[in-house]
Amino acid sequence: MQNVIQVFLGGMIGAIIRYGIQLIVGTTVMLWIVNVLGSFLLGCLNSYFEKKESKLTLFFTTGMLGTFTTFSTFSESTIHLLQEEPFVGVVTIIGMTLISIAAALIGYLLVRRKEI
């Protein structure tokens, strides 16, 4: 039950932060910010939690960053973009996917390097 509460509370915070960013910059820019930043932070945290046991792992990873990043909104927005501007839609799909994966890897390696 403690794990469920951690995911719930982390998820609530992540969703609120994501929504706040969306209010400030709009949906398209928000998607780039939260997916790239969230991937970077998730890479950092996963690297950190590999070496150090923490009771807050689920709070930060599955809960907070799981709701902060948003694949469903990305998917829905991309469908509309593909219908309106197919080339831009394809570039967005490839670009955001590759940049987010690179951000996660960079975050992971940065934290791992500091621990060595």
C-alpha atoms as a PDB file:
ATOM      1  CA  MET A   1       0.000   0.000   0.000  1.00  0.00           C
ATOM      2  CA  GLN A   2       2.910   2.333   0.740  1.00  0.00           C
ATOM      3  CA  ASN A   3       4.111   1.924  -2.873  1.00  0.00           C
ATOM      4  CA  VAL A   4       0.689   2.861  -4.237  1.00  0.00           C
ATOM      5  CA  ILE A   5       0.623   5.999  -2.083  1.00  0.00           C
ATOM      6  CA  GLN A   6       4.113   6.971  -3.290  1.00  0.00           C
ATOM      7  CA  VAL A   7       3.129   6.591  -6.943  1.00  0.00           C
ATOM      8  CA  PHE A   8      -0.130   8.491  -6.329  1.00  0.00           C
ATOM      9  CA  LEU A   9       1.522  11.441  -4.590  1.00  0.00           C
ATOM     10  CA  GLY A  10       4.430  11.607  -7.042  1.00  0.00           C
ATOM     11  CA  GLY A  11       2.006  11.377  -9.948  1.00  0.00           C
ATOM     12  CA  MET A  12      -0.093  14.194  -8.583  1.00  0.00           C
ATOM     13  CA  ILE A  13       2.945  16.465  -8.315  1.00  0.00           C
ATOM     14  CA  GLY A  14       4.285  15.533 -11.761  1.00  0.00           C
ATOM     15  CA  ALA A  15       0.926  16.178 -13.416  1.00  0.00           C
ATOM     16  CA  ILE A  16       0.560  19.561 -11.734  1.00  0.00           C
ATOM     17  CA  ILE A  17       4.054  20.636 -12.795  1.00  0.00           C
ATOM     18  CA  ARG A  18       3.397  19.502 -16.379  1.00  0.00           C
ATOM     19  CA  TYR A  19       0.096  21.369 -16.484  1.00  0.00           C
ATOM     20  CA  GLY A  20       1.775  24.504 -15.111  1.00  0.00           C
ATOM     21  CA  ILE A  21       4.371  24.367 -17.878  1.00  0.00           C
ATOM     22  CA  GLN A  22       1.601  23.888 -20.451  1.00  0.00           C
ATOM     23  CA  LEU A  23      -0.199  26.991 -19.172  1.00  0.00           C
ATOM     24  CA  ILE A  24       2.986  29.035 -19.519  1.00  0.00           C
ATOM     25  CA  VAL A  25       4.308  27.860 -22.904  1.00  0.00           C
ATOM     26  CA  GLY A  26       1.481  26.010 -24.682  1.00  0.00           C
ATOM     27  CA  THR A  27       1.106  22.361 -25.602  1.00  0.00           C
ATOM     28  CA  THR A  28       3.706  21.974 -28.360  1.00  0.00           C
ATOM     29  CA  VAL A  29       6.589  23.562 -26.450  1.00  0.00           C
ATOM     30  CA  MET A  30       5.469  21.837 -23.242  1.00  0.00           C
ATOM     31  CA  LEU A  31       5.824  18.445 -24.957  1.00  0.00           C
ATOM     32  CA  TRP A  32       9.443  19.142 -25.823  1.00  0.00           C
ATOM     33  CA  ILE A  33      10.267  20.495 -22.376  1.00  0.00           C
ATOM     34  CA  VAL A  34       8.669  17.738 -20.329  1.00  0.00           C
ATOM     35  CA  ASN A  35       9.709  14.819 -22.506  1.00  0.00           C
ATOM     36  CA  VAL A  36      13.356  15.839 -22.904  1.00  0.00           C
ATOM     37  CA  LEU A  37      13.791  17.154 -19.347  1.00  0.00           C
ATOM     38  CA  GLY A  38      11.824  14.242 -17.886  1.00  0.00           C
ATOM     39  CA  SER A  39      13.915  11.727 -19.826  1.00  0.00           C
ATOM     40  CA  PHE A  40      17.120  13.381 -18.616  1.00  0.00           C
ATOM     41  CA  LEU A  41      15.935  13.384 -15.001  1.00  0.00           C
ATOM     42  CA  LEU A  42      14.727   9.786 -15.241  1.00  0.00           C
ATOM     43  CA  GLY A  43      18.136   8.750 -16.579  1.00  0.00           C
ATOM     44  CA  CYS A  44      19.803  10.568 -13.661  1.00  0.00           C
ATOM     45  CA  LEU A  45      17.500   9.016 -11.070  1.00  0.00           C
ATOM     46  CA  ASN A  46      17.704   5.491 -12.483  1.00  0.00           C
ATOM     47  CA  SER A  47      21.483   5.699 -12.415  1.00  0.00           C
ATOM     48  CA  TYR A  48      21.421   7.037  -8.853  1.00  0.00           C
ATOM     49  CA  PHE A  49      18.916   4.456  -7.599  1.00  0.00           C
ATOM     50  CA  GLU A  50      20.901   1.584  -9.152  1.00  0.00           C
ATOM     51  CA  LYS A  51      23.600   2.127  -6.532  1.00  0.00           C
ATOM     52  CA  LYS A  52      21.601   3.461  -3.595  1.00  0.00           C
ATOM     53  CA  GLU A  53      18.467   1.855  -2.244  1.00  0.00           C
ATOM     54  CA  SER A  54      15.745   4.419  -1.609  1.00  0.00           C
ATOM     55  CA  LYS A  55      12.181   4.242  -0.386  1.00  0.00           C
ATOM     56  CA  LEU A  56      11.379   7.181  -2.683  1.00  0.00           C
ATOM     57  CA  THR A  57      12.261   5.492  -5.983  1.00  0.00           C
ATOM     58  CA  LEU A  58       8.634   4.904  -6.986  1.00  0.00           C
ATOM     59  CA  PHE A  59       7.642   8.413  -5.876  1.00  0.00           C
ATOM     60  CA  PHE A  60      10.145  10.071  -8.207  1.00  0.00           C
ATOM     61  CA  THR A  61      10.326   7.633 -11.150  1.00  0.00           C
ATOM     62  CA  THR A  62       6.963   5.966 -11.745  1.00  0.00           C
ATOM     63  CA  GLY A  63       4.940   8.638  -9.967  1.00  0.00           C
ATOM     64  CA  MET A  64       6.374  12.088 -10.547  1.00  0.00           C
ATOM     65  CA  LEU A  65       8.327  11.617 -13.782  1.00  0.00           C
ATOM     66  CA  GLY A  66       5.833   9.104 -15.139  1.00  0.00           C
ATOM     67  CA  THR A  67       3.129  11.760 -15.131  1.00  0.00           C
ATOM     68  CA  PHE A  68       5.463  14.675 -15.850  1.00  0.00           C
ATOM     69  CA  THR A  69       6.446  13.157 -19.188  1.00  0.00           C
ATOM     70  CA  THR A  70       3.522  12.477 -21.440  1.00  0.00           C
ATOM     71  CA  PHE A  71       3.517   9.986 -24.253  1.00  0.00           C
ATOM     72  CA  SER A  72      -0.257  10.083 -24.712  1.00  0.00           C
ATOM     73  CA  THR A  73      -0.348  13.855 -25.267  1.00  0.00           C
ATOM     74  CA  PHE A  74       2.667  13.561 -27.568  1.00  0.00           C
ATOM     75  CA  SER A  75       0.861  10.844 -29.565  1.00  0.00           C
ATOM     76  CA  GLU A  76      -2.388  12.790 -29.820  1.00  0.00           C
ATOM     77  CA  SER A  77      -0.671  16.045 -30.810  1.00  0.00           C
ATOM     78  CA  THR A  78       1.466  14.216 -33.356  1.00  0.00           C
ATOM     79  CA  ILE A  79      -1.605  12.719 -35.044  1.00  0.00           C
ATOM     80  CA  HIS A  80      -3.000  16.227 -35.559  1.00  0.00           C
ATOM     81  CA  LEU A  81       0.382  17.494 -36.733  1.00  0.00           C
ATOM     82  CA  LEU A  82       0.713  14.609 -39.206  1.00  0.00           C
ATOM     83  CA  GLN A  83      -2.693  15.485 -40.646  1.00  0.00           C
ATOM     84  CA  GLU A  84      -1.898  19.196 -40.963  1.00  0.00           C
ATOM     85  CA  GLU A  85       1.834  19.141 -41.747  1.00  0.00           C
ATOM     86  CA  PRO A  86       3.047  15.597 -42.448  1.00  0.00           C
ATOM     87  CA  PHE A  87       6.743  16.478 -42.833  1.00  0.00           C
ATOM     88  CA  VAL A  88       6.842  18.456 -39.586  1.00  0.00           C
ATOM     89  CA  GLY A  89       5.004  15.599 -37.864  1.00  0.00           C
ATOM     90  CA  VAL A  90       7.565  13.024 -38.977  1.00  0.00           C
ATOM     91  CA  VAL A  91      10.460  15.296 -37.979  1.00  0.00           C
ATOM     92  CA  THR A  92       8.813  15.835 -34.579  1.00  0.00           C
ATOM     93  CA  ILE A  93       8.382  12.098 -33.997  1.00  0.00           C
ATOM     94  CA  ILE A  94      11.957  11.269 -34.908  1.00  0.00           C
ATOM     95  CA  GLY A  95      13.460  14.332 -33.261  1.00  0.00           C
ATOM     96  CA  MET A  96      11.666  14.106 -29.933  1.00  0.00           C
ATOM     97  CA  THR A  97      12.222  10.366 -29.680  1.00  0.00           C
ATOM     98  CA  LEU A  98      15.949  10.523 -30.395  1.00  0.00           C
ATOM     99  CA  ILE A  99      16.565  13.630 -28.295  1.00  0.00           C
ATOM    100  CA  SER A 100      14.631  12.192 -25.335  1.00  0.00           C
ATOM    101  CA  ILE A 101      16.570   8.921 -25.483  1.00  0.00           C
ATOM    102  CA  ALA A 102      19.839  10.844 -25.731  1.00  0.00           C
ATOM    103  CA  ALA A 103      18.817  12.997 -22.750  1.00  0.00           C
ATOM    104  CA  ALA A 104      18.070   9.894 -20.671  1.00  0.00           C
ATOM    105  CA  LEU A 105      21.430   8.388 -21.601  1.00  0.00           C
ATOM    106  CA  ILE A 106      23.307  11.617 -20.820  1.00  0.00           C
ATOM    107  CA  GLY A 107      21.584  11.907 -17.437  1.00  0.00           C
ATOM    108  CA  TYR A 108      22.324   8.273 -16.646  1.00  0.00           C
ATOM    109  CA  LEU A 109      25.981   8.564 -17.602  1.00  0.00           C
ATOM    110  CA  LEU A 110      26.501  11.885 -15.785  1.00  0.00           C
ATOM    111  CA  VAL A 111      25.291  10.477 -12.483  1.00  0.00           C
ATOM    112  CA  ARG A 112      27.092   7.175 -13.008  1.00  0.00           C
ATOM    113  CA  ARG A 113      30.340   8.998 -13.747  1.00  0.00           C
ATOM    114  CA  LYS A 114      30.112  11.016 -10.541  1.00  0.00           C
ATOM    115  CA  GLU A 115      29.728   7.818  -8.524  1.00  0.00           C
ATOM    116  CA  ILE A 116      32.792   6.098  -9.976  1.00  0.00           C
END
